[in-house]
Amino acid sequence: MDRFSRQLLTLGIDVQEKIMSTKVLVAGCGALGSSIAELLVRLGVKELKIVDADVVELSNLHRTRLFTEKDLMKPKVLACKEFLEKINSEVKIEPIFDIIDETNAEDLVKDVDVVFDGLDNINYRLILNDACVKYEKPLIHAGVSGEYGNAKLVIPGKTSCLACFLQPSDSRNACDIIGTTTVVPNFLASIQVQLFINYLRGYSEDELVIADLKDLRLDKIKMKRNPQCEACSLHEYKYLRHMDINCGLTRAEKAEGDRIFSSNGVELYKYNGGYIICYNQKCFKKRIA
């Protein structure tokens, strides 16, 4: 416990022991997910499963503390694992080079205690939400846009879920790149991890936390479960059966197009509309807006 002597003074032994017995899934290892993972490892969670199918690009470096120029074109999950193990080697870290969709969401979720949403695609978020509600796993969500963000704790059976107020997007606008600064995802990740700590303390308020970093405002909006929600009220889980994904990373059966990069097991192919990233016998199309 010497490692956590300072936070023990704030959290107490009961909460610290709960943290150290928790298995966590972090969906995404970009600006938001990598910040979440770092905070959780410093807190001392028992196990951390990180899922992402992208590689580190130059534009990632200003938004995350975990990546350096030496990590360029390396799978994000491997770069995250290498950095996190230097902080706390006692945490079991499982990097998974993959996306989270209807083919694997249930398997990824059902054997962990808490799930963190570090995704940047609303459709994949709704798939993850369905899996968490179905298996009654707390989901801690955050979204970032510019200098604004929001966060929410979803406790299946007690609070509203993401499907109560979010709808899937079939618009091409969903593929547009939304800018942000290094401050906003780090701030929202801190809120998410604080929601996790509060959840371990017994917190179960149904509210959406709204952060306006430009005006330095933090507000909370009371939420209520939608009685017609197809996830938490009707238990239909339709997004686990099918979801149209119109942008971002999607599965590719094989590489196609011209190979433009190959190093350390990563291969990058250029095709009309974006790139195909291959690693460890898995390939994913990355559509560019």
Protein backbone atom coordinates (compact mmCIF):
# COMPACT_ATOMS: atom_id res chain seq x y z
CA MET A 1 0.00 0.00 0.00
CA ASP A 2 3.01 2.34 0.17
CA ARG A 3 2.49 3.17 -3.51
CA PHE A 4 -0.93 4.63 -2.69
CA SER A 5 -0.16 6.25 0.65
CA ARG A 6 -1.27 9.73 -0.42
CA GLN A 7 -4.57 8.72 -2.03
CA LEU A 8 -5.34 6.43 0.92
CA LEU A 9 -5.53 9.58 3.04
CA THR A 10 -8.35 10.78 0.77
CA LEU A 11 -10.10 7.61 -0.37
CA GLY A 12 -9.69 5.34 2.65
CA ILE A 13 -8.76 1.68 2.75
CA ASP A 14 -12.21 0.38 1.72
CA VAL A 15 -12.34 2.30 -1.55
CA GLN A 16 -8.69 1.54 -2.31
CA GLU A 17 -9.28 -2.17 -1.85
CA LYS A 18 -12.27 -1.98 -4.21
CA ILE A 19 -10.11 -0.21 -6.80
CA MET A 20 -7.41 -2.87 -6.49
CA SER A 21 -9.91 -5.67 -7.08
CA THR A 22 -11.58 -4.12 -10.14
CA LYS A 23 -11.23 -5.37 -13.71
CA VAL A 24 -11.74 -2.57 -16.23
CA LEU A 25 -12.31 -2.31 -19.97
CA VAL A 26 -11.27 0.91 -21.69
CA ALA A 27 -12.81 1.22 -25.16
CA GLY A 28 -10.42 3.29 -27.24
CA CYS A 29 -6.85 4.39 -26.62
CA GLY A 30 -6.82 7.79 -28.25
CA ALA A 31 -6.77 11.15 -26.48
CA LEU A 32 -9.62 10.21 -24.11
CA GLY A 33 -8.99 6.50 -23.63
CA SER A 34 -5.25 6.81 -23.04
CA SER A 35 -5.84 9.46 -20.35
CA ILE A 36 -8.42 7.22 -18.68
CA ALA A 37 -6.01 4.27 -18.77
CA GLU A 38 -3.19 6.29 -17.25
CA LEU A 39 -5.36 7.51 -14.36
CA LEU A 40 -6.68 4.00 -13.67
CA VAL A 41 -3.17 2.50 -13.58
CA ARG A 42 -2.03 5.24 -11.19
CA LEU A 43 -5.10 4.51 -9.01
CA GLY A 44 -4.13 0.83 -8.94
CA VAL A 45 -6.90 -1.16 -10.64
CA LYS A 46 -6.36 -4.91 -10.75
CA GLU A 47 -6.66 -5.50 -14.48
CA LEU A 48 -6.97 -3.22 -17.49
CA LYS A 49 -8.18 -4.34 -20.90
CA ILE A 50 -7.59 -1.75 -23.66
CA VAL A 51 -9.20 -2.07 -27.10
CA ASP A 52 -8.25 -0.03 -30.18
CA ALA A 53 -7.44 -0.83 -33.82
CA ASP A 54 -5.63 2.35 -34.81
CA VAL A 55 -1.98 3.36 -34.95
CA VAL A 56 -0.27 6.41 -33.48
CA GLU A 57 -0.19 9.33 -35.91
CA LEU A 58 1.54 12.69 -35.68
CA SER A 59 -1.76 14.48 -34.96
CA ASN A 60 -2.22 12.32 -31.83
CA LEU A 61 0.86 13.67 -30.09
CA HIS A 62 -0.54 17.02 -29.01
CA ARG A 63 -3.61 15.41 -27.42
CA THR A 64 -2.14 12.67 -25.27
CA ARG A 65 0.71 12.30 -22.79
CA LEU A 66 1.28 8.60 -23.47
CA PHE A 67 2.61 8.80 -27.03
CA THR A 68 5.91 10.20 -28.29
CA GLU A 69 7.46 10.56 -31.74
CA LYS A 70 9.09 7.14 -31.23
CA ASP A 71 5.59 5.60 -31.16
CA LEU A 72 4.54 6.85 -34.61
CA MET A 73 2.81 4.11 -36.65
CA LYS A 74 2.83 1.74 -33.69
CA PRO A 75 -0.54 0.22 -32.64
CA LYS A 76 -1.98 2.52 -29.99
CA VAL A 77 -2.74 -0.35 -27.61
CA LEU A 78 0.91 -1.45 -27.63
CA ALA A 79 2.19 2.08 -27.09
CA CYS A 80 -0.30 2.46 -24.23
CA LYS A 81 0.76 -0.83 -22.64
CA GLU A 82 4.48 0.03 -22.83
CA PHE A 83 3.94 3.40 -21.18
CA LEU A 84 1.51 2.17 -18.52
CA GLU A 85 3.75 -0.70 -17.40
CA LYS A 86 6.42 1.86 -16.51
CA ILE A 87 3.96 3.50 -14.10
CA ASN A 88 2.65 0.41 -12.30
CA SER A 89 3.97 -3.01 -13.27
CA GLU A 90 1.57 -4.69 -10.84
CA VAL A 91 -1.48 -3.92 -13.00
CA LYS A 92 -2.27 -6.66 -15.52
CA ILE A 93 -2.68 -4.90 -18.88
CA GLU A 94 -4.20 -6.66 -21.89
CA PRO A 95 -3.87 -4.79 -25.19
CA ILE A 96 -6.40 -5.83 -27.83
CA PHE A 97 -5.86 -4.64 -31.40
CA ASP A 98 -9.47 -4.57 -32.54
CA ILE A 99 -12.58 -2.46 -32.83
CA ILE A 100 -15.63 -2.97 -30.61
CA ASP A 101 -18.65 -3.93 -32.68
CA GLU A 102 -21.57 -6.35 -32.61
CA THR A 103 -19.24 -9.31 -33.27
CA ASN A 104 -17.22 -8.99 -30.05
CA ALA A 105 -18.79 -6.40 -27.71
CA GLU A 106 -20.49 -8.99 -25.50
CA ASP A 107 -17.36 -11.10 -25.05
CA LEU A 108 -15.27 -8.04 -24.20
CA VAL A 109 -17.74 -6.69 -21.65
CA LYS A 110 -19.03 -9.72 -19.80
CA ASP A 111 -15.85 -10.60 -17.87
CA VAL A 112 -15.00 -7.11 -16.53
CA ASP A 113 -16.44 -5.07 -13.67
CA VAL A 114 -16.57 -1.57 -15.17
CA VAL A 115 -16.42 -0.22 -18.73
CA PHE A 116 -15.06 3.17 -19.82
CA ASP A 117 -16.16 4.78 -23.08
CA GLY A 118 -13.20 6.43 -24.79
CA LEU A 119 -14.68 6.15 -28.29
CA ASP A 120 -15.22 8.86 -30.88
CA ASN A 121 -18.05 7.26 -32.87
CA ILE A 122 -21.65 7.42 -31.68
CA ASN A 123 -22.66 4.20 -33.44
CA TYR A 124 -19.93 2.16 -31.77
CA ARG A 125 -20.90 3.80 -28.46
CA LEU A 126 -24.45 2.49 -28.81
CA ILE A 127 -23.16 -1.04 -29.46
CA LEU A 128 -21.01 -0.80 -26.32
CA ASN A 129 -23.98 0.58 -24.37
CA ASP A 130 -26.18 -2.35 -25.44
CA ALA A 131 -23.56 -4.85 -24.27
CA CYS A 132 -23.12 -3.10 -20.91
CA VAL A 133 -26.85 -2.90 -20.24
CA LYS A 134 -27.37 -6.54 -21.27
CA TYR A 135 -24.65 -7.79 -18.91
CA GLU A 136 -25.39 -5.19 -16.20
CA LYS A 137 -21.93 -3.63 -16.33
CA PRO A 138 -21.51 0.02 -15.26
CA LEU A 139 -20.53 2.18 -18.22
CA ILE A 140 -18.76 5.51 -17.77
CA HIS A 141 -19.23 7.65 -20.86
CA ALA A 142 -17.63 10.85 -22.08
CA GLY A 143 -17.78 12.80 -25.30
CA VAL A 144 -15.54 15.64 -26.46
CA SER A 145 -16.16 18.37 -29.03
CA GLY A 146 -13.94 21.42 -29.32
CA GLU A 147 -13.66 22.99 -25.88
CA TYR A 148 -16.78 21.23 -24.62
CA GLY A 149 -17.55 17.79 -23.27
CA ASN A 150 -19.99 15.68 -21.30
CA ALA A 151 -19.78 12.65 -19.07
CA LYS A 152 -22.26 10.19 -17.58
CA LEU A 153 -22.30 7.18 -15.31
CA VAL A 154 -24.65 4.48 -16.59
CA ILE A 155 -25.71 1.91 -13.99
CA PRO A 156 -27.97 -0.68 -15.64
CA GLY A 157 -31.21 -1.07 -13.72
CA LYS A 158 -30.76 2.24 -11.86
CA THR A 159 -30.04 5.05 -14.31
CA SER A 160 -30.81 5.98 -17.88
CA CYS A 161 -28.42 4.61 -20.50
CA LEU A 162 -26.90 6.20 -23.58
CA ALA A 163 -29.66 4.89 -25.86
CA CYS A 164 -32.19 6.88 -23.80
CA PHE A 165 -30.96 10.11 -25.35
CA LEU A 166 -28.58 9.25 -28.22
CA GLN A 167 -29.53 8.09 -31.70
CA PRO A 168 -27.28 6.41 -34.28
CA SER A 169 -26.00 8.58 -37.08
CA ASP A 170 -26.35 7.73 -40.76
CA SER A 171 -25.15 11.15 -41.85
CA ARG A 172 -21.91 11.74 -43.72
CA ASN A 173 -21.34 14.59 -41.26
CA ALA A 174 -20.64 11.96 -38.61
CA CYS A 175 -17.30 11.37 -40.36
CA ASP A 176 -16.16 14.97 -40.00
CA ILE A 177 -13.06 15.44 -37.85
CA ILE A 178 -13.88 17.53 -34.76
CA GLY A 179 -11.00 19.47 -33.25
CA THR A 180 -10.08 19.80 -29.62
CA THR A 181 -7.11 20.75 -27.45
CA THR A 182 -4.94 18.67 -25.15
CA VAL A 183 -6.85 20.09 -22.15
CA VAL A 184 -10.39 18.91 -22.89
CA PRO A 185 -9.96 15.10 -23.21
CA ASN A 186 -7.70 15.07 -20.16
CA PHE A 187 -10.30 17.00 -18.18
CA LEU A 188 -13.15 14.72 -19.26
CA ALA A 189 -11.08 11.62 -18.51
CA SER A 190 -10.54 12.97 -14.99
CA ILE A 191 -14.30 13.41 -14.58
CA GLN A 192 -14.90 9.85 -15.79
CA VAL A 193 -12.41 8.40 -13.32
CA GLN A 194 -13.88 10.50 -10.51
CA LEU A 195 -17.31 9.07 -11.42
CA PHE A 196 -15.72 5.62 -11.11
CA ILE A 197 -14.39 6.45 -7.63
CA ASN A 198 -17.77 7.86 -6.61
CA TYR A 199 -19.50 4.74 -7.96
CA LEU A 200 -17.32 2.61 -5.70
CA ARG A 201 -18.46 4.82 -2.83
CA GLY A 202 -22.12 4.09 -3.65
CA TYR A 203 -22.91 7.08 -5.88
CA SER A 204 -25.75 6.37 -8.33
CA GLU A 205 -27.17 9.75 -9.38
CA ASP A 206 -28.74 9.85 -12.84
CA GLU A 207 -27.24 12.99 -14.34
CA LEU A 208 -25.21 14.27 -17.26
CA VAL A 209 -22.12 16.32 -16.44
CA ILE A 210 -21.60 19.18 -18.92
CA ALA A 211 -18.17 20.79 -19.17
CA ASP A 212 -17.56 24.13 -20.89
CA LEU A 213 -13.81 24.62 -20.68
CA LYS A 214 -13.87 27.86 -22.64
CA ASP A 215 -16.00 29.59 -19.98
CA LEU A 216 -14.74 27.34 -17.17
CA ARG A 217 -18.22 26.08 -16.33
CA LEU A 218 -19.31 22.71 -15.01
CA ASP A 219 -23.03 21.88 -14.85
CA LYS A 220 -25.13 18.81 -14.12
CA ILE A 221 -28.42 17.93 -15.81
CA LYS A 222 -30.84 15.54 -14.15
CA MET A 223 -31.65 12.58 -16.41
CA LYS A 224 -34.47 10.06 -16.43
CA ARG A 225 -34.79 6.67 -18.05
CA ASN A 226 -36.79 6.63 -21.27
CA PRO A 227 -39.62 4.10 -20.77
CA GLN A 228 -39.42 3.30 -24.49
CA CYS A 229 -35.64 2.90 -24.58
CA GLU A 230 -34.88 -0.21 -26.63
CA ALA A 231 -31.87 -1.01 -24.42
CA CYS A 232 -32.50 -0.38 -20.72
CA SER A 233 -36.33 -0.43 -20.74
CA LEU A 234 -37.34 -2.89 -23.48
CA HIS A 235 -34.13 -4.99 -23.43
CA GLU A 236 -34.12 -5.49 -27.18
CA TYR A 237 -30.39 -4.73 -27.72
CA LYS A 238 -30.89 -4.18 -31.44
CA TYR A 239 -27.41 -2.71 -31.94
CA LEU A 240 -25.86 -6.02 -30.91
CA ARG A 241 -27.62 -7.56 -33.90
CA HIS A 242 -26.71 -4.96 -36.51
CA MET A 243 -25.39 -1.44 -36.76
CA ASP A 244 -24.54 0.53 -39.88
CA ILE A 245 -21.08 2.08 -39.53
CA ASN A 246 -20.53 4.88 -42.01
CA CYS A 247 -17.13 6.18 -40.96
CA GLY A 248 -14.11 5.55 -38.79
CA LEU A 249 -12.57 2.09 -38.50
CA THR A 250 -14.39 -0.95 -39.92
CA ARG A 251 -13.33 -4.53 -40.47
CA ALA A 252 -11.58 -5.49 -43.70
CA GLU A 253 -11.24 -9.07 -44.84
CA LYS A 254 -7.89 -8.41 -46.50
CA ALA A 255 -5.51 -5.67 -47.48
CA GLU A 256 -6.10 -3.95 -50.80
CA GLY A 257 -4.53 -1.04 -52.64
CA ASP A 258 -0.94 0.16 -52.60
CA ARG A 259 1.20 -0.58 -49.54
CA ILE A 260 2.72 2.66 -48.32
CA PHE A 261 4.20 1.57 -44.98
CA SER A 262 5.54 -1.57 -43.32
CA SER A 263 7.34 -1.75 -39.96
CA ASN A 264 7.17 -3.71 -36.69
CA GLY A 265 4.32 -5.86 -37.94
CA VAL A 266 2.18 -2.89 -39.06
CA GLU A 267 1.28 -2.53 -42.72
CA LEU A 268 -0.54 0.46 -44.17
CA TYR A 269 -2.29 0.43 -47.53
CA LYS A 270 -3.74 3.36 -49.42
CA TYR A 271 -7.13 2.92 -51.09
CA ASN A 272 -9.68 5.28 -52.57
CA GLY A 273 -11.31 6.86 -49.53
CA GLY A 274 -8.75 6.19 -46.85
CA TYR A 275 -6.31 3.60 -45.49
CA ILE A 276 -6.24 -0.04 -44.53
CA ILE A 277 -4.31 -0.82 -41.34
CA CYS A 278 -3.11 -4.39 -40.82
CA TYR A 279 -1.47 -5.87 -37.73
CA ASN A 280 -1.34 -9.35 -36.23
CA GLN A 281 -3.41 -10.82 -39.11
CA LYS A 282 -6.21 -8.28 -38.60
CA CYS A 283 -7.06 -5.53 -41.08
CA PHE A 284 -9.28 -2.47 -40.70
CA LYS A 285 -10.38 0.20 -43.10
CA LYS A 286 -9.94 3.76 -41.86
CA ARG A 287 -12.18 6.03 -43.86
CA ILE A 288 -11.07 9.60 -44.19
CA ALA A 289 -13.73 12.34 -44.24
